[in-house]
Amino acid sequence: MIMDRIALVLSIIGGLNWGSVGLFRFDLVAYLFGGQTSTVSRVVYTLVGLSAIWCISLLFRERDALDDGI
């Protein structure tokens, strides 16, 4: 499903951003979009958070390999 992939990509981006904050004290999202309190940064943070919530559902879904065309 396309929504699953979008959520996964956004969650990976969020994880990489948090990794850079933890390792280097560098927030790439804030740097790119004008600080942590800018509207665009807050939208990005919100989308990443919502995608992480969506990804929780991936843990509890039963999927068959045949459904994915594999």
PDB file of N, CA and C in Angstrom:
ATOM      1  N   MET A   1       0.846  -1.173   0.000  1.00  0.00           N
ATOM      2  CA  MET A   1       0.000   0.000   0.000  1.00  0.00           C
ATOM      3  C   MET A   1       0.897   1.245   0.000  1.00  0.00           C
ATOM      4  N   ILE A   2       0.511   2.231  -0.745  1.00  0.00           N
ATOM      5  CA  ILE A   2       1.325   3.438  -0.906  1.00  0.00           C
ATOM      6  C   ILE A   2       1.440   4.218   0.401  1.00  0.00           C
ATOM      7  N   MET A   3       0.363   4.211   1.193  1.00  0.00           N
ATOM      8  CA  MET A   3       0.388   4.941   2.472  1.00  0.00           C
ATOM      9  C   MET A   3       1.429   4.342   3.417  1.00  0.00           C
ATOM     10  N   ASP A   4       1.579   3.023   3.376  1.00  0.00           N
ATOM     11  CA  ASP A   4       2.576   2.364   4.211  1.00  0.00           C
ATOM     12  C   ASP A   4       3.984   2.823   3.840  1.00  0.00           C
ATOM     13  N   ARG A   5       4.241   2.901   2.558  1.00  0.00           N
ATOM     14  CA  ARG A   5       5.578   3.323   2.099  1.00  0.00           C
ATOM     15  C   ARG A   5       5.866   4.785   2.436  1.00  0.00           C
ATOM     16  N   ILE A   6       4.871   5.638   2.269  1.00  0.00           N
ATOM     17  CA  ILE A   6       5.056   7.050   2.617  1.00  0.00           C
ATOM     18  C   ILE A   6       5.341   7.187   4.106  1.00  0.00           C
ATOM     19  N   ALA A   7       4.566   6.476   4.915  1.00  0.00           N
ATOM     20  CA  ALA A   7       4.765   6.529   6.367  1.00  0.00           C
ATOM     21  C   ALA A   7       6.138   5.990   6.741  1.00  0.00           C
ATOM     22  N   LEU A   8       6.565   4.931   6.088  1.00  0.00           N
ATOM     23  CA  LEU A   8       7.871   4.362   6.379  1.00  0.00           C
ATOM     24  C   LEU A   8       8.993   5.327   6.002  1.00  0.00           C
ATOM     25  N   VAL A   9       8.888   5.960   4.848  1.00  0.00           N
ATOM     26  CA  VAL A   9       9.908   6.923   4.421  1.00  0.00           C
ATOM     27  C   VAL A   9       9.974   8.108   5.390  1.00  0.00           C
ATOM     28  N   LEU A  10       8.813   8.638   5.778  1.00  0.00           N
ATOM     29  CA  LEU A  10       8.805   9.757   6.718  1.00  0.00           C
ATOM     30  C   LEU A  10       9.362   9.353   8.078  1.00  0.00           C
ATOM     31  N   SER A  11       9.072   8.132   8.507  1.00  0.00           N
ATOM     32  CA  SER A  11       9.607   7.657   9.785  1.00  0.00           C
ATOM     33  C   SER A  11      11.127   7.492   9.713  1.00  0.00           C
ATOM     34  N   ILE A  12      11.622   7.028   8.594  1.00  0.00           N
ATOM     35  CA  ILE A  12      13.075   6.905   8.416  1.00  0.00           C
ATOM     36  C   ILE A  12      13.727   8.276   8.426  1.00  0.00           C
ATOM     37  N   ILE A  13      13.117   9.238   7.739  1.00  0.00           N
ATOM     38  CA  ILE A  13      13.643  10.606   7.738  1.00  0.00           C
ATOM     39  C   ILE A  13      13.669  11.156   9.164  1.00  0.00           C
ATOM     40  N   GLY A  14      12.588  10.931   9.910  1.00  0.00           N
ATOM     41  CA  GLY A  14      12.538  11.385  11.297  1.00  0.00           C
ATOM     42  C   GLY A  14      13.589  10.716  12.159  1.00  0.00           C
ATOM     43  N   GLY A  15      13.783   9.423  11.953  1.00  0.00           N
ATOM     44  CA  GLY A  15      14.807   8.701  12.708  1.00  0.00           C
ATOM     45  C   GLY A  15      16.208   9.203  12.404  1.00  0.00           C
ATOM     46  N   LEU A  16      16.473   9.468  11.143  1.00  0.00           N
ATOM     47  CA  LEU A  16      17.783  10.013  10.769  1.00  0.00           C
ATOM     48  C   LEU A  16      17.984  11.409  11.348  1.00  0.00           C
ATOM     49  N   ASN A  17      16.918  12.208  11.345  1.00  0.00           N
ATOM     50  CA  ASN A  17      17.013  13.543  11.924  1.00  0.00           C
ATOM     51  C   ASN A  17      17.308  13.465  13.420  1.00  0.00           C
ATOM     52  N   TRP A  18      16.590  12.582  14.136  1.00  0.00           N
ATOM     53  CA  TRP A  18      16.840  12.426  15.572  1.00  0.00           C
ATOM     54  C   TRP A  18      18.230  11.867  15.827  1.00  0.00           C
ATOM     55  N   GLY A  19      18.703  11.010  14.945  1.00  0.00           N
ATOM     56  CA  GLY A  19      20.070  10.512  15.078  1.00  0.00           C
ATOM     57  C   GLY A  19      21.091  11.627  14.952  1.00  0.00           C
ATOM     58  N   SER A  20      20.865  12.533  14.006  1.00  0.00           N
ATOM     59  CA  SER A  20      21.792  13.658  13.855  1.00  0.00           C
ATOM     60  C   SER A  20      21.703  14.620  15.038  1.00  0.00           C
ATOM     61  N   VAL A  21      20.511  14.751  15.629  1.00  0.00           N
ATOM     62  CA  VAL A  21      20.380  15.578  16.835  1.00  0.00           C
ATOM     63  C   VAL A  21      21.145  14.934  17.982  1.00  0.00           C
ATOM     64  N   GLY A  22      21.000  13.638  18.136  1.00  0.00           N
ATOM     65  CA  GLY A  22      21.660  12.938  19.231  1.00  0.00           C
ATOM     66  C   GLY A  22      23.171  12.892  19.097  1.00  0.00           C
ATOM     67  N   LEU A  23      23.650  12.663  17.889  1.00  0.00           N
ATOM     68  CA  LEU A  23      25.091  12.525  17.679  1.00  0.00           C
ATOM     69  C   LEU A  23      25.818  13.855  17.506  1.00  0.00           C
ATOM     70  N   PHE A  24      25.181  14.771  16.777  1.00  0.00           N
ATOM     71  CA  PHE A  24      25.881  15.991  16.385  1.00  0.00           C
ATOM     72  C   PHE A  24      25.232  17.279  16.874  1.00  0.00           C
ATOM     73  N   ARG A  25      24.102  17.142  17.596  1.00  0.00           N
ATOM     74  CA  ARG A  25      23.328  18.319  18.019  1.00  0.00           C
ATOM     75  C   ARG A  25      22.948  19.204  16.827  1.00  0.00           C
ATOM     76  N   PHE A  26      22.588  18.544  15.730  1.00  0.00           N
ATOM     77  CA  PHE A  26      22.229  19.245  14.501  1.00  0.00           C
ATOM     78  C   PHE A  26      20.855  18.776  14.043  1.00  0.00           C
ATOM     79  N   ASP A  27      19.888  19.673  14.053  1.00  0.00           N
ATOM     80  CA  ASP A  27      18.524  19.375  13.619  1.00  0.00           C
ATOM     81  C   ASP A  27      18.388  19.802  12.159  1.00  0.00           C
ATOM     82  N   LEU A  28      18.433  18.816  11.260  1.00  0.00           N
ATOM     83  CA  LEU A  28      18.400  19.103   9.827  1.00  0.00           C
ATOM     84  C   LEU A  28      17.082  19.740   9.399  1.00  0.00           C
ATOM     85  N   VAL A  29      15.977  19.279   9.954  1.00  0.00           N
ATOM     86  CA  VAL A  29      14.667  19.852   9.607  1.00  0.00           C
ATOM     87  C   VAL A  29      14.623  21.329   9.992  1.00  0.00           C
ATOM     88  N   ALA A  30      15.061  21.644  11.197  1.00  0.00           N
ATOM     89  CA  ALA A  30      15.076  23.048  11.640  1.00  0.00           C
ATOM     90  C   ALA A  30      16.016  23.871  10.771  1.00  0.00           C
ATOM     91  N   TYR A  31      17.141  23.303  10.410  1.00  0.00           N
ATOM     92  CA  TYR A  31      18.107  24.013   9.571  1.00  0.00           C
ATOM     93  C   TYR A  31      17.520  24.320   8.194  1.00  0.00           C
ATOM     94  N   LEU A  32      16.855  23.335   7.620  1.00  0.00           N
ATOM     95  CA  LEU A  32      16.322  23.509   6.264  1.00  0.00           C
ATOM     96  C   LEU A  32      15.107  24.432   6.208  1.00  0.00           C
ATOM     97  N   PHE A  33      14.295  24.432   7.280  1.00  0.00           N
ATOM     98  CA  PHE A  33      13.024  25.137   7.210  1.00  0.00           C
ATOM     99  C   PHE A  33      12.900  26.320   8.157  1.00  0.00           C
ATOM    100  N   GLY A  34      13.996  26.832   8.680  1.00  0.00           N
ATOM    101  CA  GLY A  34      13.959  28.092   9.408  1.00  0.00           C
ATOM    102  C   GLY A  34      13.749  28.002  10.897  1.00  0.00           C
ATOM    103  N   GLY A  35      14.215  26.947  11.525  1.00  0.00           N
ATOM    104  CA  GLY A  35      14.110  26.845  12.975  1.00  0.00           C
ATOM    105  C   GLY A  35      13.009  25.907  13.412  1.00  0.00           C
ATOM    106  N   GLN A  36      13.088  25.483  14.665  1.00  0.00           N
ATOM    107  CA  GLN A  36      12.125  24.514  15.189  1.00  0.00           C
ATOM    108  C   GLN A  36      10.716  25.058  15.311  1.00  0.00           C
ATOM    109  N   THR A  37      10.583  26.360  15.458  1.00  0.00           N
ATOM    110  CA  THR A  37       9.254  26.932  15.664  1.00  0.00           C
ATOM    111  C   THR A  37       8.607  27.445  14.382  1.00  0.00           C
ATOM    112  N   SER A  38       9.299  27.333  13.244  1.00  0.00           N
ATOM    113  CA  SER A  38       8.684  27.795  11.996  1.00  0.00           C
ATOM    114  C   SER A  38       7.529  26.868  11.629  1.00  0.00           C
ATOM    115  N   THR A  39       6.594  27.398  10.918  1.00  0.00           N
ATOM    116  CA  THR A  39       5.394  26.646  10.556  1.00  0.00           C
ATOM    117  C   THR A  39       5.736  25.410   9.730  1.00  0.00           C
ATOM    118  N   VAL A  40       6.648  25.553   8.782  1.00  0.00           N
ATOM    119  CA  VAL A  40       7.000  24.415   7.920  1.00  0.00           C
ATOM    120  C   VAL A  40       7.665  23.320   8.734  1.00  0.00           C
ATOM    121  N   SER A  41       8.563  23.684   9.639  1.00  0.00           N
ATOM    122  CA  SER A  41       9.210  22.682  10.498  1.00  0.00           C
ATOM    123  C   SER A  41       8.189  21.953  11.352  1.00  0.00           C
ATOM    124  N   ARG A  42       7.251  22.687  11.901  1.00  0.00           N
ATOM    125  CA  ARG A  42       6.229  22.061  12.746  1.00  0.00           C
ATOM    126  C   ARG A  42       5.354  21.112  11.941  1.00  0.00           C
ATOM    127  N   VAL A  43       5.070  21.468  10.683  1.00  0.00           N
ATOM    128  CA  VAL A  43       4.298  20.573   9.812  1.00  0.00           C
ATOM    129  C   VAL A  43       5.093  19.297   9.542  1.00  0.00           C
ATOM    130  N   VAL A  44       6.387  19.441   9.263  1.00  0.00           N
ATOM    131  CA  VAL A  44       7.233  18.272   9.014  1.00  0.00           C
ATOM    132  C   VAL A  44       7.284  17.390  10.259  1.00  0.00           C
ATOM    133  N   TYR A  45       7.512  17.993  11.432  1.00  0.00           N
ATOM    134  CA  TYR A  45       7.544  17.218  12.677  1.00  0.00           C
ATOM    135  C   TYR A  45       6.212  16.487  12.903  1.00  0.00           C
ATOM    136  N   THR A  46       5.112  17.150  12.620  1.00  0.00           N
ATOM    137  CA  THR A  46       3.793  16.552  12.799  1.00  0.00           C
ATOM    138  C   THR A  46       3.593  15.385  11.838  1.00  0.00           C
ATOM    139  N   LEU A  47       3.986  15.558  10.574  1.00  0.00           N
ATOM    140  CA  LEU A  47       3.848  14.475   9.599  1.00  0.00           C
ATOM    141  C   LEU A  47       4.704  13.271   9.976  1.00  0.00           C
ATOM    142  N   VAL A  48       5.903  13.516  10.479  1.00  0.00           N
ATOM    143  CA  VAL A  48       6.769  12.422  10.912  1.00  0.00           C
ATOM    144  C   VAL A  48       6.134  11.696  12.103  1.00  0.00           C
ATOM    145  N   GLY A  49       5.595  12.440  13.033  1.00  0.00           N
ATOM    146  CA  GLY A  49       4.930  11.824  14.183  1.00  0.00           C
ATOM    147  C   GLY A  49       3.717  11.003  13.780  1.00  0.00           C
ATOM    148  N   LEU A  50       2.907  11.537  12.884  1.00  0.00           N
ATOM    149  CA  LEU A  50       1.733  10.798  12.406  1.00  0.00           C
ATOM    150  C   LEU A  50       2.146   9.547  11.635  1.00  0.00           C
ATOM    151  N   SER A  51       3.224   9.653  10.867  1.00  0.00           N
ATOM    152  CA  SER A  51       3.685   8.475  10.129  1.00  0.00           C
ATOM    153  C   SER A  51       4.204   7.400  11.076  1.00  0.00           C
ATOM    154  N   ALA A  52       4.821   7.809  12.182  1.00  0.00           N
ATOM    155  CA  ALA A  52       5.275   6.827  13.168  1.00  0.00           C
ATOM    156  C   ALA A  52       4.077   6.112  13.794  1.00  0.00           C
ATOM    157  N   ILE A  53       3.016   6.849  14.058  1.00  0.00           N
ATOM    158  CA  ILE A  53       1.798   6.230  14.591  1.00  0.00           C
ATOM    159  C   ILE A  53       1.222   5.255  13.570  1.00  0.00           C
ATOM    160  N   TRP A  54       1.220   5.643  12.310  1.00  0.00           N
ATOM    161  CA  TRP A  54       0.736   4.759  11.245  1.00  0.00           C
ATOM    162  C   TRP A  54       1.583   3.485  11.184  1.00  0.00           C
ATOM    163  N   CYS A  55       2.900   3.621  11.341  1.00  0.00           N
ATOM    164  CA  CYS A  55       3.803   2.472  11.259  1.00  0.00           C
ATOM    165  C   CYS A  55       3.579   1.478  12.394  1.00  0.00           C
ATOM    166  N   ILE A  56       3.005   1.926  13.500  1.00  0.00           N
ATOM    167  CA  ILE A  56       2.665   0.994  14.571  1.00  0.00           C
ATOM    168  C   ILE A  56       1.702  -0.067  14.053  1.00  0.00           C
ATOM    169  N   SER A  57       0.795   0.343  13.180  1.00  0.00           N
ATOM    170  CA  SER A  57      -0.172  -0.618  12.630  1.00  0.00           C
ATOM    171  C   SER A  57       0.520  -1.683  11.784  1.00  0.00           C
ATOM    172  N   LEU A  58       1.673  -1.375  11.223  1.00  0.00           N
ATOM    173  CA  LEU A  58       2.400  -2.363  10.422  1.00  0.00           C
ATOM    174  C   LEU A  58       2.848  -3.544  11.268  1.00  0.00           C
ATOM    175  N   LEU A  59       3.090  -3.314  12.531  1.00  0.00           N
ATOM    176  CA  LEU A  59       3.526  -4.388  13.420  1.00  0.00           C
ATOM    177  C   LEU A  59       2.437  -5.425  13.662  1.00  0.00           C
ATOM    178  N   PHE A  60       1.195  -5.011  13.565  1.00  0.00           N
ATOM    179  CA  PHE A  60       0.093  -5.877  13.931  1.00  0.00           C
ATOM    180  C   PHE A  60      -0.690  -6.411  12.737  1.00  0.00           C
ATOM    181  N   ARG A  61      -0.268  -6.088  11.549  1.00  0.00           N
ATOM    182  CA  ARG A  61      -0.950  -6.591  10.359  1.00  0.00           C
ATOM    183  C   ARG A  61      -0.358  -7.920   9.947  1.00  0.00           C
ATOM    184  N   GLU A  62      -1.234  -8.807   9.528  1.00  0.00           N
ATOM    185  CA  GLU A  62      -0.759 -10.060   8.957  1.00  0.00           C
ATOM    186  C   GLU A  62      -0.808  -9.918   7.455  1.00  0.00           C
ATOM    187  N   ARG A  63       0.345 -10.118   6.845  1.00  0.00           N
ATOM    188  CA  ARG A  63       0.427  -9.969   5.394  1.00  0.00           C
ATOM    189  C   ARG A  63       0.929 -11.252   4.799  1.00  0.00           C
ATOM    190  N   ASP A  64       0.389 -11.570   3.678  1.00  0.00           N
ATOM    191  CA  ASP A  64       0.805 -12.760   2.951  1.00  0.00           C
ATOM    192  C   ASP A  64       1.774 -12.334   1.854  1.00  0.00           C
ATOM    193  N   ALA A  65       2.823 -13.086   1.650  1.00  0.00           N
ATOM    194  CA  ALA A  65       3.808 -12.758   0.618  1.00  0.00           C
ATOM    195  C   ALA A  65       3.154 -12.703  -0.759  1.00  0.00           C
ATOM    196  N   LEU A  66       2.108 -13.473  -0.980  1.00  0.00           N
ATOM    197  CA  LEU A  66       1.419 -13.471  -2.268  1.00  0.00           C
ATOM    198  C   LEU A  66       0.670 -12.176  -2.492  1.00  0.00           C
ATOM    199  N   ASP A  67       0.230 -11.516  -1.442  1.00  0.00           N
ATOM    200  CA  ASP A  67      -0.489 -10.251  -1.583  1.00  0.00           C
ATOM    201  C   ASP A  67       0.408  -9.150  -2.131  1.00  0.00           C
ATOM    202  N   ASP A  68       1.711  -9.237  -1.860  1.00  0.00           N
ATOM    203  CA  ASP A  68       2.648  -8.223  -2.310  1.00  0.00           C
ATOM    204  C   ASP A  68       3.178  -8.508  -3.713  1.00  0.00           C
ATOM    205  N   GLY A  69       2.768  -9.592  -4.292  1.00  0.00           N
ATOM    206  CA  GLY A  69       3.242  -9.931  -5.625  1.00  0.00           C
ATOM    207  C   GLY A  69       4.609 -10.574  -5.639  1.00  0.00           C
ATOM    208  N   ILE A  70       5.046 -11.076  -4.501  1.00  0.00           N
ATOM    209  CA  ILE A  70       6.378 -11.701  -4.413  1.00  0.00           C
ATOM    210  C   ILE A  70       6.253 -13.180  -4.697  1.00  0.00           C
TER     211      ILE A  70
END
